[in-house]
Each structure stands twice: as structure tokens, then as C-alpha cells.
């Protein structure tokens, strides 16, 4: 059995490629005067076939979609459902007259693995990125230019993750809430969650 110091060294080396990496929540906020006239008719989330996915349970699996927060199944569909739910929740406050369609395309959905959750402390990032555009639901006209949204945030691991689960704040709930907060502010409302942080992660 590895001594604790050697084990820690091995983990550090395994994550060395990500050491000091800066992560961020970033997007360009839309004009509130415009978004106040909108009411969401539909939200669509596309998952390109080119995105890779895997059930690999390692420290830094190199895939676009990494998700272990729900029972085994169609990870593409699960990731799309989470993003859709987050966008819907964040846009729920729009009560204007213009019905709009929000279309998102997933770019990255790289949540932490069980191994990271169980064995690391002060490491782990939920790397969520997608592009998004708004269309008039009736005419199909584009109301915004497409833009990339980065909704990355630190993952809760170890004891903090266990305590969050006990309160009902599962990884799925946390990611939905992060996307909702990002969406709400992207639309010109609510607190601004934008910022950056440095942390070991994929």
C-alpha cells in the first residue's frame, strides 16, 4: 500500500497538466431593455455527435462529456437535459410579449468523477460550456448573435460533497443552479456570477 505522502505525490503528478489552470464563468450580458420584452416559448439543447464521452472513472479523463451524477444511461441526453433545465429555470422570469426560442449547443460537460469526489481535496472543476442564441419563436428571426457561455465552477469534493448531498444539493442540482444563475444574469437580471478561479481540474 502506498504511503500517504507517495499517494499524494502520485495524485499531484496525475493532475500536473492542469496545475495552476484558470477557470471562469464568462459571457456577454444581453440588453435588459430587449430581454424584458421576451417570453420563453421553448428551449432546445443540441449535443454534437463529435463530442466524446466515456464512463472512465479516473482523475482527468480526456473526454468532452464526463458525467457520473446520475445512474448509467445516455450521458448525452442527461447532459442536454441538465443544460435545458438550467436555462429554463434562469429564464423563468421573462414575462414579455415576444415569444422566443433559446437554442444552445453543448461544447463541454465535464463534471468530476467519483474518484475525484472521493479522494481529492481542494481540487475538481465542473467544466460546463455551451453556445447559445435567441430566435423569435414566430418568425424564426435571430434576435441575438451566437455566443459562447462558460459556466465553470469549483466542485464540492470529500466531506463538503457529502454534506451537500445530505442537504439535497447533488451535483446535478448544483450544475442546474449554476446554469440558471448564469442564464438569469446573461438575460440582464439577478446577481452577476461572472469571475475566475484557479484550481486543479480537467
Foldseek 3Di string as FASTA:
>chain_A
DDDPVVVVVVVCVVLVVQAFPKAWWDDAADDLVVQLQEDEPEEEEAEDPPFFEDADQDFADPGQFYDDLDPDDDSSVVVRVLLRLLLCLLSVPRDHDFYKYKYKYWGGQHFHGVCCQAPDDQATKGWGKIKMWMAGPPPRHTPDDIDMTTQMDGDHHDPRQVVCVVVVNGPSNVSSNSSSQSNNVSSPDDDDPIDMDTHRYD
